[in-house]
PDB file of N, CA and C in Angstrom:
ATOM      1  N   MET A   1       3.065  -2.204  16.456  1.00  0.00           N
ATOM      2  CA  MET A   1       3.721  -0.939  16.288  1.00  0.00           C
ATOM      3  C   MET A   1       3.132   0.050  17.282  1.00  0.00           C
ATOM      4  N   PRO A   2       3.708   0.123  18.420  1.00  0.00           N
ATOM      5  CA  PRO A   2       3.180   1.009  19.437  1.00  0.00           C
ATOM      6  C   PRO A   2       3.080   2.454  18.943  1.00  0.00           C
ATOM      7  N   GLY A   3       1.974   3.075  19.308  1.00  0.00           N
ATOM      8  CA  GLY A   3       1.812   4.485  18.990  1.00  0.00           C
ATOM      9  C   GLY A   3       1.344   4.789  17.586  1.00  0.00           C
ATOM     10  N   THR A   4       1.085   3.763  16.758  1.00  0.00           N
ATOM     11  CA  THR A   4       0.666   4.020  15.384  1.00  0.00           C
ATOM     12  C   THR A   4      -0.840   4.121  15.246  1.00  0.00           C
ATOM     13  N   GLY A   5      -1.573   3.672  16.254  1.00  0.00           N
ATOM     14  CA  GLY A   5      -3.010   3.639  16.164  1.00  0.00           C
ATOM     15  C   GLY A   5      -3.523   2.413  15.431  1.00  0.00           C
ATOM     16  N   ALA A   6      -2.613   1.582  14.938  1.00  0.00           N
ATOM     17  CA  ALA A   6      -3.013   0.357  14.249  1.00  0.00           C
ATOM     18  C   ALA A   6      -3.463  -0.676  15.277  1.00  0.00           C
ATOM     19  N   PRO A   7      -4.465  -1.477  14.934  1.00  0.00           N
ATOM     20  CA  PRO A   7      -4.914  -2.491  15.888  1.00  0.00           C
ATOM     21  C   PRO A   7      -3.853  -3.565  16.099  1.00  0.00           C
ATOM     22  N   ALA A   8      -3.894  -4.168  17.274  1.00  0.00           N
ATOM     23  CA  ALA A   8      -2.990  -5.273  17.573  1.00  0.00           C
ATOM     24  C   ALA A   8      -3.412  -6.487  16.746  1.00  0.00           C
ATOM     25  N   VAL A   9      -2.463  -7.341  16.458  1.00  0.00           N
ATOM     26  CA  VAL A   9      -2.732  -8.563  15.706  1.00  0.00           C
ATOM     27  C   VAL A   9      -2.267  -9.737  16.552  1.00  0.00           C
ATOM     28  N   ALA A  10      -3.150 -10.723  16.720  1.00  0.00           N
ATOM     29  CA  ALA A  10      -2.786 -11.942  17.439  1.00  0.00           C
ATOM     30  C   ALA A  10      -3.128 -13.127  16.551  1.00  0.00           C
ATOM     31  N   VAL A  11      -2.201 -14.065  16.443  1.00  0.00           N
ATOM     32  CA  VAL A  11      -2.425 -15.280  15.671  1.00  0.00           C
ATOM     33  C   VAL A  11      -2.231 -16.440  16.634  1.00  0.00           C
ATOM     34  N   VAL A  12      -3.285 -17.240  16.807  1.00  0.00           N
ATOM     35  CA  VAL A  12      -3.256 -18.330  17.773  1.00  0.00           C
ATOM     36  C   VAL A  12      -3.679 -19.621  17.085  1.00  0.00           C
ATOM     37  N   GLY A  13      -2.913 -20.664  17.294  1.00  0.00           N
ATOM     38  CA  GLY A  13      -3.289 -21.980  16.789  1.00  0.00           C
ATOM     39  C   GLY A  13      -3.094 -22.168  15.300  1.00  0.00           C
ATOM     40  N   LEU A  14      -2.257 -21.350  14.697  1.00  0.00           N
ATOM     41  CA  LEU A  14      -1.964 -21.482  13.272  1.00  0.00           C
ATOM     42  C   LEU A  14      -0.467 -21.709  13.102  1.00  0.00           C
ATOM     43  N   PRO A  15      -0.039 -22.950  13.156  1.00  0.00           N
ATOM     44  CA  PRO A  15       1.396 -23.219  13.028  1.00  0.00           C
ATOM     45  C   PRO A  15       1.917 -22.866  11.640  1.00  0.00           C
ATOM     46  N   GLY A  16       3.141 -22.402  11.594  1.00  0.00           N
ATOM     47  CA  GLY A  16       3.790 -22.115  10.321  1.00  0.00           C
ATOM     48  C   GLY A  16       3.269 -20.883   9.622  1.00  0.00           C
ATOM     49  N   VAL A  17       2.708 -19.949  10.371  1.00  0.00           N
ATOM     50  CA  VAL A  17       2.153 -18.737   9.771  1.00  0.00           C
ATOM     51  C   VAL A  17       3.088 -17.564  10.049  1.00  0.00           C
ATOM     52  N   ALA A  18       3.280 -16.741   9.036  1.00  0.00           N
ATOM     53  CA  ALA A  18       4.055 -15.507   9.196  1.00  0.00           C
ATOM     54  C   ALA A  18       3.087 -14.328   9.082  1.00  0.00           C
ATOM     55  N   VAL A  19       3.270 -13.343   9.944  1.00  0.00           N
ATOM     56  CA  VAL A  19       2.447 -12.137   9.936  1.00  0.00           C
ATOM     57  C   VAL A  19       3.376 -10.951   9.793  1.00  0.00           C
ATOM     58  N   VAL A  20       3.123 -10.132   8.791  1.00  0.00           N
ATOM     59  CA  VAL A  20       3.924  -8.933   8.563  1.00  0.00           C
ATOM     60  C   VAL A  20       2.964  -7.750   8.585  1.00  0.00           C
ATOM     61  N   ARG A  21       3.203  -6.826   9.505  1.00  0.00           N
ATOM     62  CA  ARG A  21       2.332  -5.658   9.609  1.00  0.00           C
ATOM     63  C   ARG A  21       3.152  -4.400   9.384  1.00  0.00           C
ATOM     64  N   THR A  22       2.632  -3.535   8.560  1.00  0.00           N
ATOM     65  CA  THR A  22       3.205  -2.211   8.358  1.00  0.00           C
ATOM     66  C   THR A  22       2.110  -1.221   8.750  1.00  0.00           C
ATOM     67  N   PRO A  23       2.401   0.056   8.797  1.00  0.00           N
ATOM     68  CA  PRO A  23       1.359   1.009   9.195  1.00  0.00           C
ATOM     69  C   PRO A  23       0.109   0.967   8.309  1.00  0.00           C
ATOM     70  N   ASP A  24       0.242   0.527   7.060  1.00  0.00           N
ATOM     71  CA  ASP A  24      -0.919   0.574   6.161  1.00  0.00           C
ATOM     72  C   ASP A  24      -1.294  -0.760   5.538  1.00  0.00           C
ATOM     73  N   ALA A  25      -0.690  -1.858   5.992  1.00  0.00           N
ATOM     74  CA  ALA A  25      -1.019  -3.155   5.391  1.00  0.00           C
ATOM     75  C   ALA A  25      -0.744  -4.283   6.375  1.00  0.00           C
ATOM     76  N   LEU A  26      -1.430  -5.387   6.149  1.00  0.00           N
ATOM     77  CA  LEU A  26      -1.238  -6.594   6.944  1.00  0.00           C
ATOM     78  C   LEU A  26      -1.144  -7.766   5.978  1.00  0.00           C
ATOM     79  N   LEU A  27      -0.085  -8.546   6.101  1.00  0.00           N
ATOM     80  CA  LEU A  27       0.114  -9.730   5.265  1.00  0.00           C
ATOM     81  C   LEU A  27       0.198 -10.935   6.186  1.00  0.00           C
ATOM     82  N   VAL A  28      -0.666 -11.924   5.935  1.00  0.00           N
ATOM     83  CA  VAL A  28      -0.656 -13.173   6.684  1.00  0.00           C
ATOM     84  C   VAL A  28      -0.502 -14.293   5.671  1.00  0.00           C
ATOM     85  N   LEU A  29       0.498 -15.127   5.869  1.00  0.00           N
ATOM     86  CA  LEU A  29       0.752 -16.197   4.915  1.00  0.00           C
ATOM     87  C   LEU A  29       1.416 -17.370   5.595  1.00  0.00           C
ATOM     88  N   SER A  30       1.277 -18.524   4.966  1.00  0.00           N
ATOM     89  CA  SER A  30       1.992 -19.684   5.475  1.00  0.00           C
ATOM     90  C   SER A  30       3.457 -19.525   5.091  1.00  0.00           C
ATOM     91  N   ARG A  31       4.312 -20.067   5.894  1.00  0.00           N
ATOM     92  CA  ARG A  31       5.746 -19.974   5.568  1.00  0.00           C
ATOM     93  C   ARG A  31       6.050 -20.682   4.256  1.00  0.00           C
ATOM     94  N   GLU A  32       5.264 -21.706   3.948  1.00  0.00           N
ATOM     95  CA  GLU A  32       5.460 -22.420   2.683  1.00  0.00           C
ATOM     96  C   GLU A  32       5.141 -21.535   1.482  1.00  0.00           C
ATOM     97  N   ALA A  33       4.283 -20.537   1.666  1.00  0.00           N
ATOM     98  CA  ALA A  33       3.880 -19.654   0.564  1.00  0.00           C
ATOM     99  C   ALA A  33       4.728 -18.387   0.492  1.00  0.00           C
ATOM    100  N   ALA A  34       5.762 -18.296   1.311  1.00  0.00           N
ATOM    101  CA  ALA A  34       6.576 -17.073   1.355  1.00  0.00           C
ATOM    102  C   ALA A  34       7.146 -16.720  -0.015  1.00  0.00           C
ATOM    103  N   GLN A  35       7.470 -17.707  -0.825  1.00  0.00           N
ATOM    104  CA  GLN A  35       8.026 -17.419  -2.147  1.00  0.00           C
ATOM    105  C   GLN A  35       6.985 -16.792  -3.067  1.00  0.00           C
ATOM    106  N   ASP A  36       5.701 -16.902  -2.718  1.00  0.00           N
ATOM    107  CA  ASP A  36       4.634 -16.330  -3.536  1.00  0.00           C
ATOM    108  C   ASP A  36       4.435 -14.835  -3.301  1.00  0.00           C
ATOM    109  N   VAL A  37       5.135 -14.272  -2.343  1.00  0.00           N
ATOM    110  CA  VAL A  37       5.010 -12.834  -2.077  1.00  0.00           C
ATOM    111  C   VAL A  37       5.389 -12.030  -3.314  1.00  0.00           C
ATOM    112  N   LYS A  38       6.352 -12.500  -4.078  1.00  0.00           N
ATOM    113  CA  LYS A  38       6.743 -11.794  -5.302  1.00  0.00           C
ATOM    114  C   LYS A  38       5.558 -11.673  -6.256  1.00  0.00           C
ATOM    115  N   THR A  39       4.737 -12.702  -6.336  1.00  0.00           N
ATOM    116  CA  THR A  39       3.549 -12.656  -7.193  1.00  0.00           C
ATOM    117  C   THR A  39       2.593 -11.556  -6.726  1.00  0.00           C
ATOM    118  N   VAL A  40       2.400 -11.446  -5.418  1.00  0.00           N
ATOM    119  CA  VAL A  40       1.535 -10.396  -4.868  1.00  0.00           C
ATOM    120  C   VAL A  40       2.092  -9.023  -5.205  1.00  0.00           C
ATOM    121  N   VAL A  41       3.392  -8.855  -5.029  1.00  0.00           N
ATOM    122  CA  VAL A  41       4.036  -7.576  -5.343  1.00  0.00           C
ATOM    123  C   VAL A  41       3.865  -7.245  -6.819  1.00  0.00           C
ATOM    124  N   ASP A  42       4.078  -8.218  -7.678  1.00  0.00           N
ATOM    125  CA  ASP A  42       3.914  -7.990  -9.123  1.00  0.00           C
ATOM    126  C   ASP A  42       2.481  -7.584  -9.459  1.00  0.00           C
ATOM    127  N   ARG A  43       1.508  -8.224  -8.836  1.00  0.00           N
ATOM    128  CA  ARG A  43       0.095  -7.889  -9.103  1.00  0.00           C
ATOM    129  C   ARG A  43      -0.255  -6.502  -8.588  1.00  0.00           C
ATOM    130  N   LEU A  44       0.275  -6.124  -7.433  1.00  0.00           N
ATOM    131  CA  LEU A  44       0.029  -4.771  -6.917  1.00  0.00           C
ATOM    132  C   LEU A  44       0.631  -3.727  -7.857  1.00  0.00           C
ATOM    133  N   ARG A  45       1.830  -3.980  -8.336  1.00  0.00           N
ATOM    134  CA  ARG A  45       2.449  -3.051  -9.291  1.00  0.00           C
ATOM    135  C   ARG A  45       1.622  -2.944 -10.570  1.00  0.00           C
ATOM    136  N   ALA A  46       1.170  -4.077 -11.089  1.00  0.00           N
ATOM    137  CA  ALA A  46       0.373  -4.087 -12.314  1.00  0.00           C
ATOM    138  C   ALA A  46      -0.945  -3.343 -12.136  1.00  0.00           C
ATOM    139  N   ALA A  47      -1.465  -3.355 -10.905  1.00  0.00           N
ATOM    140  CA  ALA A  47      -2.724  -2.680 -10.617  1.00  0.00           C
ATOM    141  C   ALA A  47      -2.517  -1.211 -10.256  1.00  0.00           C
ATOM    142  N   GLY A  48      -1.254  -0.760 -10.289  1.00  0.00           N
ATOM    143  CA  GLY A  48      -0.974   0.631  -9.973  1.00  0.00           C
ATOM    144  C   GLY A  48      -1.077   0.960  -8.495  1.00  0.00           C
ATOM    145  N   ARG A  49      -0.882  -0.044  -7.635  1.00  0.00           N
ATOM    146  CA  ARG A  49      -1.010   0.158  -6.190  1.00  0.00           C
ATOM    147  C   ARG A  49       0.360   0.266  -5.523  1.00  0.00           C
ATOM    148  N   GLU A  50       1.233   1.069  -6.107  1.00  0.00           N
ATOM    149  CA  GLU A  50       2.588   1.243  -5.576  1.00  0.00           C
ATOM    150  C   GLU A  50       2.595   1.712  -4.124  1.00  0.00           C
ATOM    151  N   GLU A  51       1.541   2.406  -3.701  1.00  0.00           N
ATOM    152  CA  GLU A  51       1.496   2.918  -2.325  1.00  0.00           C
ATOM    153  C   GLU A  51       1.440   1.787  -1.295  1.00  0.00           C
ATOM    154  N   LEU A  52       1.107   0.591  -1.738  1.00  0.00           N
ATOM    155  CA  LEU A  52       1.069  -0.542  -0.823  1.00  0.00           C
ATOM    156  C   LEU A  52       2.385  -1.298  -0.750  1.00  0.00           C
ATOM    157  N   LEU A  53       3.330  -0.908  -1.554  1.00  0.00           N
ATOM    158  CA  LEU A  53       4.619  -1.608  -1.579  1.00  0.00           C
ATOM    159  C   LEU A  53       5.638  -0.935  -0.703  1.00  0.00           C
TER     160      LEU A  53
END
């Protein structure tokens, strides 16, 4: 994200990995675990961390 001040992210030698970066969070996961993102979202909500969603 140019101009955000966030550090660059490089992933090398990790096949099947997805990287999602927003201004305030970084998510790295295997493509096989993509369906588990809902679990992470549910846990963040339960912990009252709506600002990360």
